[in-house]
Amino acid sequence: MTINLTRPVPAIEVVPVPAPADPRDAMMHAFAVAETVVAQLADRPTTASLNDDYRGGYRVELYFHRAPDRVAAFAGQYRVPVSTDPDYGNDGSSYSSADVMVDGVSVRAWALVRVEAVAA
């Protein structure tokens, strides 16, 4: 038995799916991925959006208002790293994000904590 510590198996199996040829099909596929991902989260995101990836598909973005801990929970669920910029925008704000591919769709969870919120 071998264990791969550099690339552990995700907690939720991620199976790549080829991108649909029709842009509308690609959008509907991204909606389905967003629905599945949000349904599996312990905490609901503040917003969920679809954005054109300019390669014939769409990407899903999940925003967690001032909640980098929820981004970390998302990352833990998919066993992907969290990227953090503690000085985002040179005003002391902190930006956290985690990215994963789910069924051929890029999904990003992110949070921004502005310095005013930290001081309050």
N, C-alpha and C. Protein backbone atom coordinates (compact mmCIF):
# COMPACT_ATOMS: atom_id res chain seq x y z
N MET A 1 0.84 -1.17 0.00
CA MET A 1 0.00 0.00 0.00
C MET A 1 0.89 1.24 0.00
N THR A 2 0.55 2.21 -0.84
CA THR A 2 1.31 3.46 -0.86
C THR A 2 0.38 4.62 -0.53
N ILE A 3 0.96 5.64 0.06
CA ILE A 3 0.21 6.85 0.39
C ILE A 3 0.91 8.01 -0.29
N ASN A 4 0.14 8.77 -1.05
CA ASN A 4 0.68 9.93 -1.74
C ASN A 4 0.40 11.16 -0.90
N LEU A 5 1.42 11.67 -0.21
CA LEU A 5 1.24 12.82 0.66
C LEU A 5 1.30 14.14 -0.09
N THR A 6 1.82 14.14 -1.30
CA THR A 6 1.91 15.39 -2.05
C THR A 6 0.61 15.74 -2.76
N ARG A 7 -0.22 14.76 -3.00
CA ARG A 7 -1.48 15.02 -3.68
C ARG A 7 -2.53 14.06 -3.15
N PRO A 8 -3.06 14.35 -1.95
CA PRO A 8 -4.03 13.45 -1.35
C PRO A 8 -5.33 13.40 -2.16
N VAL A 9 -6.03 12.31 -2.01
CA VAL A 9 -7.31 12.14 -2.69
C VAL A 9 -8.32 13.08 -2.05
N PRO A 10 -9.10 13.83 -2.86
CA PRO A 10 -10.07 14.76 -2.27
C PRO A 10 -11.13 14.02 -1.46
N ALA A 11 -11.66 14.71 -0.46
CA ALA A 11 -12.72 14.12 0.36
C ALA A 11 -13.95 13.82 -0.51
N ILE A 12 -14.21 14.68 -1.48
CA ILE A 12 -15.31 14.47 -2.41
C ILE A 12 -14.66 14.21 -3.76
N GLU A 13 -14.98 13.07 -4.35
CA GLU A 13 -14.34 12.70 -5.60
C GLU A 13 -14.65 13.72 -6.69
N VAL A 14 -13.61 14.18 -7.39
CA VAL A 14 -13.74 15.15 -8.46
C VAL A 14 -13.41 14.43 -9.76
N VAL A 15 -14.40 14.32 -10.64
CA VAL A 15 -14.22 13.62 -11.90
C VAL A 15 -14.29 14.64 -13.02
N PRO A 16 -13.22 14.81 -13.82
CA PRO A 16 -13.27 15.78 -14.91
C PRO A 16 -14.26 15.37 -15.99
N VAL A 17 -14.94 16.36 -16.51
CA VAL A 17 -15.93 16.14 -17.57
C VAL A 17 -15.56 17.07 -18.72
N PRO A 18 -15.58 16.59 -19.98
CA PRO A 18 -15.26 17.49 -21.08
C PRO A 18 -16.26 18.64 -21.17
N ALA A 19 -15.75 19.81 -21.58
CA ALA A 19 -16.61 20.99 -21.70
C ALA A 19 -17.63 20.79 -22.81
N PRO A 20 -18.90 21.15 -22.57
CA PRO A 20 -19.91 21.05 -23.61
C PRO A 20 -19.60 21.98 -24.78
N ALA A 21 -20.00 21.59 -25.98
CA ALA A 21 -19.72 22.38 -27.18
C ALA A 21 -20.60 23.63 -27.24
N ASP A 22 -21.85 23.55 -26.83
CA ASP A 22 -22.78 24.68 -26.88
C ASP A 22 -22.58 25.55 -25.64
N PRO A 23 -22.40 26.87 -25.81
CA PRO A 23 -22.19 27.75 -24.65
C PRO A 23 -23.32 27.68 -23.63
N ARG A 24 -24.54 27.51 -24.09
CA ARG A 24 -25.66 27.41 -23.15
C ARG A 24 -25.54 26.13 -22.32
N ASP A 25 -25.11 25.03 -22.95
CA ASP A 25 -24.89 23.79 -22.22
C ASP A 25 -23.78 23.96 -21.19
N ALA A 26 -22.73 24.69 -21.57
CA ALA A 26 -21.63 24.95 -20.64
C ALA A 26 -22.13 25.74 -19.43
N MET A 27 -22.99 26.71 -19.66
CA MET A 27 -23.53 27.51 -18.57
C MET A 27 -24.41 26.65 -17.66
N MET A 28 -25.26 25.83 -18.25
CA MET A 28 -26.13 24.97 -17.45
C MET A 28 -25.31 23.96 -16.64
N HIS A 29 -24.23 23.47 -17.24
CA HIS A 29 -23.34 22.55 -16.52
C HIS A 29 -22.71 23.26 -15.32
N ALA A 30 -22.28 24.50 -15.50
CA ALA A 30 -21.69 25.27 -14.40
C ALA A 30 -22.73 25.53 -13.31
N PHE A 31 -23.99 25.81 -13.70
CA PHE A 31 -25.06 25.98 -12.71
C PHE A 31 -25.23 24.69 -11.89
N ALA A 32 -25.20 23.54 -12.57
CA ALA A 32 -25.35 22.26 -11.88
C ALA A 32 -24.20 22.02 -10.91
N VAL A 33 -22.98 22.36 -11.32
CA VAL A 33 -21.83 22.22 -10.43
C VAL A 33 -21.99 23.14 -9.23
N ALA A 34 -22.40 24.40 -9.47
CA ALA A 34 -22.61 25.34 -8.37
C ALA A 34 -23.64 24.81 -7.39
N GLU A 35 -24.73 24.26 -7.92
CA GLU A 35 -25.78 23.72 -7.06
C GLU A 35 -25.24 22.57 -6.21
N THR A 36 -24.48 21.68 -6.81
CA THR A 36 -23.92 20.54 -6.09
C THR A 36 -22.94 20.99 -5.02
N VAL A 37 -22.05 21.91 -5.37
CA VAL A 37 -21.04 22.38 -4.41
C VAL A 37 -21.70 23.09 -3.23
N VAL A 38 -22.64 23.99 -3.50
CA VAL A 38 -23.30 24.73 -2.43
C VAL A 38 -24.09 23.79 -1.53
N ALA A 39 -24.73 22.78 -2.12
CA ALA A 39 -25.51 21.82 -1.34
C ALA A 39 -24.62 21.03 -0.38
N GLN A 40 -23.35 20.86 -0.71
CA GLN A 40 -22.44 20.07 0.11
C GLN A 40 -21.71 20.90 1.16
N LEU A 41 -21.85 22.22 1.12
CA LEU A 41 -21.15 23.08 2.07
C LEU A 41 -21.85 23.10 3.43
N ALA A 42 -21.07 23.19 4.47
CA ALA A 42 -21.63 23.32 5.82
C ALA A 42 -22.23 24.71 6.01
N ASP A 43 -21.62 25.74 5.41
CA ASP A 43 -22.07 27.12 5.53
C ASP A 43 -22.40 27.65 4.15
N ARG A 44 -23.52 28.35 4.03
CA ARG A 44 -23.88 28.89 2.72
C ARG A 44 -23.04 30.13 2.41
N PRO A 45 -22.68 30.30 1.14
CA PRO A 45 -21.92 31.50 0.78
C PRO A 45 -22.82 32.73 0.78
N THR A 46 -22.21 33.89 0.90
CA THR A 46 -22.96 35.14 0.82
C THR A 46 -23.49 35.33 -0.59
N THR A 47 -22.64 35.07 -1.59
CA THR A 47 -23.06 35.11 -2.99
C THR A 47 -22.43 33.94 -3.74
N ALA A 48 -23.10 33.52 -4.77
CA ALA A 48 -22.58 32.52 -5.70
C ALA A 48 -22.79 33.09 -7.09
N SER A 49 -21.74 33.08 -7.90
CA SER A 49 -21.87 33.65 -9.24
C SER A 49 -21.18 32.79 -10.28
N LEU A 50 -21.66 32.92 -11.51
CA LEU A 50 -21.04 32.26 -12.67
C LEU A 50 -20.39 33.34 -13.50
N ASN A 51 -19.20 33.04 -13.98
CA ASN A 51 -18.47 33.98 -14.83
C ASN A 51 -17.92 33.24 -16.03
N ASP A 52 -17.96 33.88 -17.18
CA ASP A 52 -17.40 33.31 -18.41
C ASP A 52 -15.90 33.15 -18.21
N ASP A 53 -15.37 31.97 -18.56
CA ASP A 53 -13.93 31.76 -18.42
C ASP A 53 -13.19 32.07 -19.71
N TYR A 54 -13.91 32.52 -20.73
CA TYR A 54 -13.34 32.92 -22.03
C TYR A 54 -12.63 31.78 -22.74
N ARG A 55 -12.99 30.54 -22.39
CA ARG A 55 -12.47 29.37 -23.09
C ARG A 55 -13.62 28.44 -23.48
N GLY A 56 -14.82 28.99 -23.53
CA GLY A 56 -15.99 28.20 -23.89
C GLY A 56 -16.73 27.63 -22.70
N GLY A 57 -16.31 27.98 -21.50
CA GLY A 57 -16.96 27.46 -20.30
C GLY A 57 -17.22 28.58 -19.31
N TYR A 58 -17.55 28.18 -18.10
CA TYR A 58 -17.84 29.13 -17.03
C TYR A 58 -17.10 28.70 -15.77
N ARG A 59 -16.89 29.65 -14.88
CA ARG A 59 -16.32 29.33 -13.58
C ARG A 59 -17.31 29.79 -12.51
N VAL A 60 -17.25 29.15 -11.37
CA VAL A 60 -18.14 29.45 -10.25
C VAL A 60 -17.32 30.16 -9.18
N GLU A 61 -17.87 31.24 -8.64
CA GLU A 61 -17.23 31.94 -7.53
C GLU A 61 -18.18 31.99 -6.36
N LEU A 62 -17.68 31.59 -5.20
CA LEU A 62 -18.44 31.60 -3.96
C LEU A 62 -17.79 32.59 -3.02
N TYR A 63 -18.53 33.63 -2.65
CA TYR A 63 -18.00 34.67 -1.77
C TYR A 63 -18.55 34.48 -0.36
N PHE A 64 -17.63 34.49 0.62
CA PHE A 64 -18.00 34.39 2.02
C PHE A 64 -17.63 35.71 2.68
N HIS A 65 -18.64 36.54 2.99
CA HIS A 65 -18.43 37.89 3.53
C HIS A 65 -17.69 37.85 4.86
N ARG A 66 -16.48 38.40 4.85
CA ARG A 66 -15.64 38.50 6.06
C ARG A 66 -15.49 37.17 6.78
N ALA A 67 -15.41 36.07 6.02
CA ALA A 67 -15.36 34.75 6.66
C ALA A 67 -14.28 33.86 6.05
N PRO A 68 -13.00 34.19 6.27
CA PRO A 68 -11.95 33.34 5.74
C PRO A 68 -11.98 31.92 6.33
N ASP A 69 -12.59 31.78 7.52
CA ASP A 69 -12.72 30.44 8.10
C ASP A 69 -13.61 29.55 7.25
N ARG A 70 -14.60 30.14 6.58
CA ARG A 70 -15.47 29.36 5.69
C ARG A 70 -14.75 28.99 4.40
N VAL A 71 -13.83 29.85 3.96
CA VAL A 71 -12.99 29.50 2.81
C VAL A 71 -12.10 28.32 3.20
N ALA A 72 -11.56 28.36 4.41
CA ALA A 72 -10.72 27.26 4.88
C ALA A 72 -11.52 25.96 4.98
N ALA A 73 -12.78 26.05 5.39
CA ALA A 73 -13.63 24.85 5.47
C ALA A 73 -13.88 24.29 4.07
N PHE A 74 -14.13 25.17 3.10
CA PHE A 74 -14.30 24.76 1.70
C PHE A 74 -13.03 24.05 1.22
N ALA A 75 -11.88 24.66 1.49
CA ALA A 75 -10.60 24.08 1.08
C ALA A 75 -10.39 22.72 1.72
N GLY A 76 -10.74 22.60 2.98
CA GLY A 76 -10.60 21.33 3.67
C GLY A 76 -11.50 20.25 3.09
N GLN A 77 -12.69 20.65 2.69
CA GLN A 77 -13.64 19.70 2.11
C GLN A 77 -13.08 19.10 0.82
N TYR A 78 -12.40 19.94 0.02
CA TYR A 78 -11.85 19.48 -1.25
C TYR A 78 -10.36 19.17 -1.17
N ARG A 79 -9.79 19.34 0.02
CA ARG A 79 -8.36 19.07 0.23
C ARG A 79 -7.48 19.85 -0.75
N VAL A 80 -7.74 21.14 -0.81
CA VAL A 80 -6.92 22.05 -1.61
C VAL A 80 -6.38 23.13 -0.68
N PRO A 81 -5.27 23.76 -1.06
CA PRO A 81 -4.69 24.79 -0.19
C PRO A 81 -5.48 26.10 -0.23
N VAL A 82 -5.35 26.85 0.84
CA VAL A 82 -5.91 28.21 0.90
C VAL A 82 -4.78 29.17 0.58
N SER A 83 -5.06 30.10 -0.28
CA SER A 83 -4.10 31.14 -0.62
C SER A 83 -4.52 32.41 0.13
N THR A 84 -3.58 33.04 0.82
CA THR A 84 -3.91 34.22 1.61
C THR A 84 -2.95 35.36 1.29
N ASP A 85 -3.53 36.53 1.08
CA ASP A 85 -2.74 37.75 0.90
C ASP A 85 -3.10 38.66 2.08
N PRO A 86 -2.25 38.73 3.11
CA PRO A 86 -2.59 39.49 4.31
C PRO A 86 -2.52 41.01 4.14
N ASP A 87 -1.99 41.48 3.02
CA ASP A 87 -1.91 42.93 2.78
C ASP A 87 -2.51 43.24 1.41
N TYR A 88 -3.72 42.79 1.19
CA TYR A 88 -4.41 42.96 -0.09
C TYR A 88 -4.79 44.43 -0.27
N GLY A 89 -4.39 45.00 -1.37
CA GLY A 89 -4.73 46.39 -1.66
C GLY A 89 -3.95 47.41 -0.87
N ASN A 90 -2.90 46.98 -0.18
CA ASN A 90 -2.03 47.88 0.59
C ASN A 90 -2.76 48.70 1.65
N ASP A 91 -3.93 48.22 2.10
CA ASP A 91 -4.64 48.94 3.15
C ASP A 91 -4.84 48.08 4.40
N GLY A 92 -4.14 46.96 4.44
CA GLY A 92 -4.26 46.07 5.60
C GLY A 92 -5.37 45.05 5.47
N SER A 93 -6.10 45.09 4.35
CA SER A 93 -7.14 44.10 4.14
C SER A 93 -6.52 42.74 3.86
N SER A 94 -7.26 41.69 4.13
CA SER A 94 -6.78 40.33 3.92
C SER A 94 -7.70 39.61 2.94
N TYR A 95 -7.11 38.96 1.93
CA TYR A 95 -7.86 38.21 0.92
C TYR A 95 -7.48 36.74 1.01
N SER A 96 -8.48 35.88 1.11
CA SER A 96 -8.25 34.43 1.15
C SER A 96 -9.05 33.78 0.03
N SER A 97 -8.46 32.76 -0.59
CA SER A 97 -9.18 32.04 -1.65
C SER A 97 -8.70 30.60 -1.71
N ALA A 98 -9.57 29.77 -2.29
CA ALA A 98 -9.24 28.37 -2.54
C ALA A 98 -9.90 27.99 -3.86
N ASP A 99 -9.16 27.28 -4.70
CA ASP A 99 -9.64 26.90 -6.03
C ASP A 99 -9.63 25.39 -6.19
N VAL A 100 -10.67 24.88 -6.86
CA VAL A 100 -10.76 23.45 -7.15
C VAL A 100 -11.50 23.29 -8.48
N MET A 101 -11.19 22.22 -9.20
CA MET A 101 -11.93 21.86 -10.41
C MET A 101 -12.96 20.81 -10.02
N VAL A 102 -14.22 21.05 -10.31
CA VAL A 102 -15.29 20.10 -10.03
C VAL A 102 -16.01 19.82 -11.34
N ASP A 103 -15.96 18.59 -11.78
CA ASP A 103 -16.61 18.17 -13.02
C ASP A 103 -16.25 19.10 -14.20
N GLY A 104 -14.99 19.48 -14.27
CA GLY A 104 -14.52 20.30 -15.37
C GLY A 104 -14.79 21.79 -15.23
N VAL A 105 -15.33 22.22 -14.09
CA VAL A 105 -15.65 23.63 -13.84
C VAL A 105 -14.76 24.13 -12.71
N SER A 106 -14.11 25.27 -12.93
CA SER A 106 -13.30 25.89 -11.90
C SER A 106 -14.21 26.52 -10.84
N VAL A 107 -13.97 26.20 -9.58
CA VAL A 107 -14.76 26.75 -8.48
C VAL A 107 -13.80 27.45 -7.52
N ARG A 108 -14.08 28.71 -7.24
CA ARG A 108 -13.26 29.48 -6.29
C ARG A 108 -14.12 29.94 -5.13
N ALA A 109 -13.65 29.70 -3.92
CA ALA A 109 -14.25 30.26 -2.71
C ALA A 109 -13.31 31.37 -2.27
N TRP A 110 -13.88 32.51 -1.88
CA TRP A 110 -13.02 33.61 -1.46
C TRP A 110 -13.69 34.48 -0.41
N ALA A 111 -12.83 35.19 0.32
CA ALA A 111 -13.30 36.13 1.34
C ALA A 111 -12.34 37.31 1.39
N LEU A 112 -12.89 38.45 1.66
CA LEU A 112 -12.11 39.68 1.82
C LEU A 112 -12.48 40.28 3.16
N VAL A 113 -11.49 40.53 3.98
CA VAL A 113 -11.72 41.17 5.27
C VAL A 113 -10.98 42.49 5.24
N ARG A 114 -11.75 43.56 5.22
CA ARG A 114 -11.17 44.90 5.15
C ARG A 114 -10.63 45.29 6.53
N VAL A 115 -9.63 46.14 6.52
CA VAL A 115 -8.97 46.56 7.76
C VAL A 115 -9.95 47.20 8.72
N GLU A 116 -10.99 47.92 8.22
CA GLU A 116 -11.98 48.54 9.11
C GLU A 116 -12.73 47.47 9.88
N ALA A 117 -13.01 46.33 9.22
CA ALA A 117 -13.74 45.24 9.88
C ALA A 117 -12.87 44.59 10.95
N VAL A 118 -11.57 44.52 10.71
CA VAL A 118 -10.67 43.93 11.69
C VAL A 118 -10.58 44.83 12.92
N ALA A 119 -10.57 46.15 12.71
CA ALA A 119 -10.46 47.10 13.80
C ALA A 119 -11.73 47.19 14.64
N ALA A 120 -12.88 46.86 14.02
CA ALA A 120 -14.18 47.00 14.72
C ALA A 120 -14.41 45.92 15.74
